[in-house]
């Protein structure tokens, strides 16, 4: 998924179900100068999504142990 975010940033968003964001990223990616910011945006978004899932998992585990 990380390779996809670097090579085809807009497709990374589309695969994760963020269609509107993917379209905006595609418009940014069409320009040669905009490809690098689009790739960085896609990678950061992917990392944030992974961190959110990890945090949710930790919160659920903590709540389970408190009961």
PDB file of N, CA and C in Angstrom:
ATOM      1  N   UNK A   1       0.834  -1.193   0.000  1.00  0.00           N
ATOM      2  CA  UNK A   1       0.000   0.000   0.000  1.00  0.00           C
ATOM      3  C   UNK A   1       0.881   1.260   0.000  1.00  0.00           C
ATOM      4  N   UNK A   2       2.008   1.195   0.696  1.00  0.00           N
ATOM      5  CA  UNK A   2       2.903   2.347   0.750  1.00  0.00           C
ATOM      6  C   UNK A   2       3.478   2.639  -0.640  1.00  0.00           C
ATOM      7  N   UNK A   3       3.824   1.597  -1.376  1.00  0.00           N
ATOM      8  CA  UNK A   3       4.354   1.776  -2.726  1.00  0.00           C
ATOM      9  C   UNK A   3       3.298   2.416  -3.637  1.00  0.00           C
ATOM     10  N   UNK A   4       2.073   1.994  -3.466  1.00  0.00           N
ATOM     11  CA  UNK A   4       0.973   2.576  -4.234  1.00  0.00           C
ATOM     12  C   UNK A   4       0.800   4.056  -3.893  1.00  0.00           C
ATOM     13  N   UNK A   5       0.948   4.394  -2.616  1.00  0.00           N
ATOM     14  CA  UNK A   5       0.817   5.790  -2.189  1.00  0.00           C
ATOM     15  C   UNK A   5       1.922   6.661  -2.779  1.00  0.00           C
ATOM     16  N   UNK A   6       3.086   6.077  -3.019  1.00  0.00           N
ATOM     17  CA  UNK A   6       4.192   6.847  -3.577  1.00  0.00           C
ATOM     18  C   UNK A   6       4.077   6.960  -5.096  1.00  0.00           C
ATOM     19  N   UNK A   7       3.773   5.849  -5.756  1.00  0.00           N
ATOM     20  CA  UNK A   7       3.742   5.845  -7.217  1.00  0.00           C
ATOM     21  C   UNK A   7       2.465   6.439  -7.797  1.00  0.00           C
ATOM     22  N   UNK A   8       1.320   6.080  -7.237  1.00  0.00           N
ATOM     23  CA  UNK A   8       0.020   6.568  -7.708  1.00  0.00           C
ATOM     24  C   UNK A   8      -0.791   7.067  -6.517  1.00  0.00           C
ATOM     25  N   UNK A   9      -0.465   8.249  -6.037  1.00  0.00           N
ATOM     26  CA  UNK A   9      -1.118   8.754  -4.822  1.00  0.00           C
ATOM     27  C   UNK A   9      -2.638   8.782  -4.891  1.00  0.00           C
ATOM     28  N   UNK A  10      -3.199   9.192  -6.018  1.00  0.00           N
ATOM     29  CA  UNK A  10      -4.657   9.280  -6.111  1.00  0.00           C
ATOM     30  C   UNK A  10      -5.304   7.913  -5.968  1.00  0.00           C
ATOM     31  N   UNK A  11      -4.658   6.883  -6.491  1.00  0.00           N
ATOM     32  CA  UNK A  11      -5.209   5.527  -6.413  1.00  0.00           C
ATOM     33  C   UNK A  11      -5.187   5.006  -4.977  1.00  0.00           C
ATOM     34  N   UNK A  12      -4.207   5.438  -4.217  1.00  0.00           N
ATOM     35  CA  UNK A  12      -4.134   5.056  -2.800  1.00  0.00           C
ATOM     36  C   UNK A  12      -5.378   5.532  -2.053  1.00  0.00           C
ATOM     37  N   UNK A  13      -5.812   6.764  -2.342  1.00  0.00           N
ATOM     38  CA  UNK A  13      -7.023   7.283  -1.706  1.00  0.00           C
ATOM     39  C   UNK A  13      -8.263   6.544  -2.195  1.00  0.00           C
ATOM     40  N   UNK A  14      -8.318   6.282  -3.493  1.00  0.00           N
ATOM     41  CA  UNK A  14      -9.482   5.604  -4.080  1.00  0.00           C
ATOM     42  C   UNK A  14      -9.669   4.209  -3.489  1.00  0.00           C
ATOM     43  N   UNK A  15      -8.580   3.478  -3.329  1.00  0.00           N
ATOM     44  CA  UNK A  15      -8.649   2.113  -2.794  1.00  0.00           C
ATOM     45  C   UNK A  15      -9.165   2.118  -1.352  1.00  0.00           C
ATOM     46  N   UNK A  16      -8.817   3.171  -0.606  1.00  0.00           N
ATOM     47  CA  UNK A  16      -9.253   3.263   0.789  1.00  0.00           C
ATOM     48  C   UNK A  16     -10.643   3.866   0.939  1.00  0.00           C
ATOM     49  N   UNK A  17     -11.320   4.142  -0.199  1.00  0.00           N
ATOM     50  CA  UNK A  17     -12.696   4.616  -0.156  1.00  0.00           C
ATOM     51  C   UNK A  17     -12.854   6.115  -0.043  1.00  0.00           C
ATOM     52  N   UNK A  18     -11.794   6.856  -0.227  1.00  0.00           N
ATOM     53  CA  UNK A  18     -11.858   8.316  -0.156  1.00  0.00           C
ATOM     54  C   UNK A  18     -11.854   8.862  -1.579  1.00  0.00           C
ATOM     55  N   UNK A  19     -13.008   8.762  -2.232  1.00  0.00           N
ATOM     56  CA  UNK A  19     -13.113   9.077  -3.653  1.00  0.00           C
ATOM     57  C   UNK A  19     -12.880  10.561  -3.925  1.00  0.00           C
ATOM     58  N   UNK A  20     -13.541  11.435  -3.186  1.00  0.00           N
ATOM     59  CA  UNK A  20     -13.398  12.874  -3.414  1.00  0.00           C
ATOM     60  C   UNK A  20     -11.952  13.321  -3.171  1.00  0.00           C
ATOM     61  N   UNK A  21     -11.345  12.820  -2.125  1.00  0.00           N
ATOM     62  CA  UNK A  21      -9.953  13.135  -1.845  1.00  0.00           C
ATOM     63  C   UNK A  21      -9.058  12.608  -2.960  1.00  0.00           C
ATOM     64  N   UNK A  22      -9.386  11.436  -3.479  1.00  0.00           N
ATOM     65  CA  UNK A  22      -8.626  10.862  -4.585  1.00  0.00           C
ATOM     66  C   UNK A  22      -8.699  11.721  -5.835  1.00  0.00           C
ATOM     67  N   UNK A  23      -9.872  12.284  -6.103  1.00  0.00           N
ATOM     68  CA  UNK A  23     -10.030  13.156  -7.276  1.00  0.00           C
ATOM     69  C   UNK A  23      -9.207  14.436  -7.108  1.00  0.00           C
ATOM     70  N   UNK A  24      -9.256  15.016  -5.915  1.00  0.00           N
ATOM     71  CA  UNK A  24      -8.466  16.223  -5.652  1.00  0.00           C
ATOM     72  C   UNK A  24      -6.977  15.907  -5.786  1.00  0.00           C
ATOM     73  N   UNK A  25      -6.579  14.767  -5.284  1.00  0.00           N
ATOM     74  CA  UNK A  25      -5.180  14.349  -5.373  1.00  0.00           C
ATOM     75  C   UNK A  25      -4.781  14.114  -6.827  1.00  0.00           C
ATOM     76  N   UNK A  26      -5.666  13.545  -7.622  1.00  0.00           N
ATOM     77  CA  UNK A  26      -5.387  13.330  -9.044  1.00  0.00           C
ATOM     78  C   UNK A  26      -5.181  14.645  -9.761  1.00  0.00           C
ATOM     79  N   UNK A  27      -6.021  15.626  -9.464  1.00  0.00           N
ATOM     80  CA  UNK A  27      -5.867  16.949 -10.077  1.00  0.00           C
ATOM     81  C   UNK A  27      -4.517  17.549  -9.695  1.00  0.00           C
ATOM     82  N   UNK A  28      -4.119  17.390  -8.446  1.00  0.00           N
ATOM     83  CA  UNK A  28      -2.814  17.874  -7.999  1.00  0.00           C
ATOM     84  C   UNK A  28      -1.691  17.092  -8.662  1.00  0.00           C
ATOM     85  N   UNK A  29      -1.884  15.799  -8.808  1.00  0.00           N
ATOM     86  CA  UNK A  29      -0.846  14.923  -9.343  1.00  0.00           C
ATOM     87  C   UNK A  29      -0.631  15.121 -10.839  1.00  0.00           C
ATOM     88  N   UNK A  30      -1.622  15.628 -11.553  1.00  0.00           N
ATOM     89  CA  UNK A  30      -1.505  15.794 -13.005  1.00  0.00           C
ATOM     90  C   UNK A  30      -0.328  16.697 -13.368  1.00  0.00           C
ATOM     91  N   UNK A  31      -0.088  17.705 -12.567  1.00  0.00           N
ATOM     92  CA  UNK A  31       1.059  18.572 -12.842  1.00  0.00           C
ATOM     93  C   UNK A  31       2.321  17.892 -12.327  1.00  0.00           C
ATOM     94  N   UNK A  32       3.416  18.095 -13.011  1.00  0.00           N
ATOM     95  CA  UNK A  32       4.673  17.472 -12.614  1.00  0.00           C
ATOM     96  C   UNK A  32       5.130  17.979 -11.255  1.00  0.00           C
ATOM     97  N   UNK A  33       4.950  19.280 -11.025  1.00  0.00           N
ATOM     98  CA  UNK A  33       5.344  19.866  -9.744  1.00  0.00           C
ATOM     99  C   UNK A  33       4.444  19.352  -8.620  1.00  0.00           C
ATOM    100  N   UNK A  34       3.171  19.102  -8.923  1.00  0.00           N
ATOM    101  CA  UNK A  34       2.225  18.670  -7.908  1.00  0.00           C
ATOM    102  C   UNK A  34       2.314  17.203  -7.549  1.00  0.00           C
ATOM    103  N   UNK A  35       3.064  16.417  -8.329  1.00  0.00           N
ATOM    104  CA  UNK A  35       3.142  14.987  -8.049  1.00  0.00           C
ATOM    105  C   UNK A  35       3.815  14.728  -6.701  1.00  0.00           C
ATOM    106  N   UNK A  36       4.907  15.429  -6.411  1.00  0.00           N
ATOM    107  CA  UNK A  36       5.622  15.217  -5.147  1.00  0.00           C
ATOM    108  C   UNK A  36       4.756  15.569  -3.934  1.00  0.00           C
ATOM    109  N   UNK A  37       4.092  16.728  -3.910  1.00  0.00           N
ATOM    110  CA  UNK A  37       3.193  16.997  -2.775  1.00  0.00           C
ATOM    111  C   UNK A  37       2.050  15.985  -2.670  1.00  0.00           C
ATOM    112  N   UNK A  38       1.549  15.514  -3.811  1.00  0.00           N
ATOM    113  CA  UNK A  38       0.474  14.516  -3.786  1.00  0.00           C
ATOM    114  C   UNK A  38       0.973  13.212  -3.178  1.00  0.00           C
ATOM    115  N   UNK A  39       2.186  12.809  -3.522  1.00  0.00           N
ATOM    116  CA  UNK A  39       2.757  11.579  -2.971  1.00  0.00           C
ATOM    117  C   UNK A  39       2.993  11.720  -1.468  1.00  0.00           C
ATOM    118  N   UNK A  40       3.494  12.856  -1.056  1.00  0.00           N
ATOM    119  CA  UNK A  40       3.723  13.090   0.375  1.00  0.00           C
ATOM    120  C   UNK A  40       2.396  13.087   1.126  1.00  0.00           C
ATOM    121  N   UNK A  41       1.393  13.721   0.559  1.00  0.00           N
ATOM    122  CA  UNK A  41       0.058  13.757   1.169  1.00  0.00           C
ATOM    123  C   UNK A  41      -0.502  12.349   1.327  1.00  0.00           C
ATOM    124  N   UNK A  42      -0.371  11.526   0.299  1.00  0.00           N
ATOM    125  CA  UNK A  42      -0.894  10.167   0.349  1.00  0.00           C
ATOM    126  C   UNK A  42      -0.172   9.324   1.394  1.00  0.00           C
ATOM    127  N   UNK A  43       1.139   9.460   1.484  1.00  0.00           N
ATOM    128  CA  UNK A  43       1.914   8.691   2.470  1.00  0.00           C
ATOM    129  C   UNK A  43       1.553   9.126   3.887  1.00  0.00           C
ATOM    130  N   UNK A  44       1.457  10.430   4.113  1.00  0.00           N
ATOM    131  CA  UNK A  44       1.091  10.922   5.448  1.00  0.00           C
ATOM    132  C   UNK A  44      -0.319  10.482   5.823  1.00  0.00           C
ATOM    133  N   UNK A  45      -1.221  10.517   4.878  1.00  0.00           N
ATOM    134  CA  UNK A  45      -2.588  10.083   5.137  1.00  0.00           C
ATOM    135  C   UNK A  45      -2.637   8.599   5.497  1.00  0.00           C
ATOM    136  N   UNK A  46      -1.862   7.804   4.791  1.00  0.00           N
ATOM    137  CA  UNK A  46      -1.800   6.375   5.076  1.00  0.00           C
ATOM    138  C   UNK A  46      -1.234   6.117   6.473  1.00  0.00           C
ATOM    139  N   UNK A  47      -0.176   6.831   6.821  1.00  0.00           N
ATOM    140  CA  UNK A  47       0.416   6.674   8.155  1.00  0.00           C
ATOM    141  C   UNK A  47      -0.551   7.116   9.254  1.00  0.00           C
ATOM    142  N   UNK A  48      -1.288   8.206   9.021  1.00  0.00           N
ATOM    143  CA  UNK A  48      -2.262   8.669  10.012  1.00  0.00           C
ATOM    144  C   UNK A  48      -3.390   7.653  10.195  1.00  0.00           C
ATOM    145  N   UNK A  49      -3.818   7.056   9.098  1.00  0.00           N
ATOM    146  CA  UNK A  49      -4.883   6.052   9.185  1.00  0.00           C
ATOM    147  C   UNK A  49      -4.417   4.831   9.976  1.00  0.00           C
ATOM    148  N   UNK A  50      -3.183   4.417   9.742  1.00  0.00           N
ATOM    149  CA  UNK A  50      -2.620   3.283  10.488  1.00  0.00           C
ATOM    150  C   UNK A  50      -2.500   3.612  11.978  1.00  0.00           C
ATOM    151  N   UNK A  51      -2.063   4.833  12.291  1.00  0.00           N
ATOM    152  CA  UNK A  51      -1.939   5.252  13.685  1.00  0.00           C
ATOM    153  C   UNK A  51      -3.305   5.310  14.362  1.00  0.00           C
ATOM    154  N   UNK A  52      -4.322   5.788  13.646  1.00  0.00           N
ATOM    155  CA  UNK A  52      -5.675   5.832  14.208  1.00  0.00           C
ATOM    156  C   UNK A  52      -6.181   4.427  14.529  1.00  0.00           C
ATOM    157  N   UNK A  53      -5.943   3.485  13.618  1.00  0.00           N
ATOM    158  CA  UNK A  53      -6.368   2.098  13.875  1.00  0.00           C
ATOM    159  C   UNK A  53      -5.640   1.517  15.074  1.00  0.00           C
ATOM    160  N   UNK A  54      -4.338   1.799  15.180  1.00  0.00           N
ATOM    161  CA  UNK A  54      -3.538   1.294  16.296  1.00  0.00           C
ATOM    162  C   UNK A  54      -4.040   1.891  17.612  1.00  0.00           C
ATOM    163  N   UNK A  55      -4.346   3.190  17.627  1.00  0.00           N
ATOM    164  CA  UNK A  55      -4.848   3.839  18.836  1.00  0.00           C
ATOM    165  C   UNK A  55      -6.218   3.297  19.232  1.00  0.00           C
ATOM    166  N   UNK A  56      -7.087   3.083  18.256  1.00  0.00           N
ATOM    167  CA  UNK A  56      -8.403   2.513  18.556  1.00  0.00           C
ATOM    168  C   UNK A  56      -8.272   1.127  19.178  1.00  0.00           C
ATOM    169  N   UNK A  57      -7.352   0.347  18.660  1.00  0.00           N
ATOM    170  CA  UNK A  57      -7.124  -0.999  19.191  1.00  0.00           C
ATOM    171  C   UNK A  57      -6.622  -0.933  20.643  1.00  0.00           C
ATOM    172  N   UNK A  58      -5.723   0.009  20.920  1.00  0.00           N
ATOM    173  CA  UNK A  58      -5.210   0.162  22.281  1.00  0.00           C
ATOM    174  C   UNK A  58      -6.305   0.640  23.241  1.00  0.00           C
ATOM    175  N   UNK A  59      -7.130   1.562  22.789  1.00  0.00           N
ATOM    176  CA  UNK A  59      -8.223   2.064  23.634  1.00  0.00           C
ATOM    177  C   UNK A  59      -9.208   0.945  23.954  1.00  0.00           C
ATOM    178  N   UNK A  60      -9.549   0.133  22.962  1.00  0.00           N
ATOM    179  CA  UNK A  60     -10.457  -0.996  23.201  1.00  0.00           C
ATOM    180  C   UNK A  60      -9.858  -1.981  24.189  1.00  0.00           C
ATOM    181  N   UNK A  61      -8.555  -2.245  24.075  1.00  0.00           N
ATOM    182  CA  UNK A  61      -7.894  -3.171  24.994  1.00  0.00           C
ATOM    183  C   UNK A  61      -7.882  -2.608  26.409  1.00  0.00           C
ATOM    184  N   UNK A  62      -7.652  -1.308  26.545  1.00  0.00           N
ATOM    185  CA  UNK A  62      -7.640  -0.692  27.872  1.00  0.00           C
ATOM    186  C   UNK A  62      -9.032  -0.733  28.499  1.00  0.00           C
ATOM    187  N   UNK A  63     -10.068  -0.471  27.717  1.00  0.00           N
ATOM    188  CA  UNK A  63     -11.431  -0.511  28.247  1.00  0.00           C
ATOM    189  C   UNK A  63     -11.814  -1.922  28.651  1.00  0.00           C
ATOM    190  N   UNK A  64     -11.372  -2.895  27.875  1.00  0.00           N
ATOM    191  CA  UNK A  64     -11.674  -4.289  28.173  1.00  0.00           C
ATOM    192  C   UNK A  64     -11.020  -4.708  29.481  1.00  0.00           C
ATOM    193  N   UNK A  65      -9.785  -4.258  29.721  1.00  0.00           N
ATOM    194  CA  UNK A  65      -9.074  -4.627  30.937  1.00  0.00           C
ATOM    195  C   UNK A  65      -9.598  -3.920  32.183  1.00  0.00           C
ATOM    196  N   UNK A  66     -10.266  -2.779  32.010  1.00  0.00           N
ATOM    197  CA  UNK A  66     -10.793  -2.046  33.159  1.00  0.00           C
ATOM    198  C   UNK A  66     -12.059  -2.682  33.698  1.00  0.00           C
ATOM    199  N   UNK A  67     -12.750  -3.442  32.882  1.00  0.00           N
ATOM    200  CA  UNK A  67     -14.019  -4.048  33.325  1.00  0.00           C
ATOM    201  C   UNK A  67     -13.821  -5.238  34.157  1.00  0.00           C
TER     202      UNK A  67
END
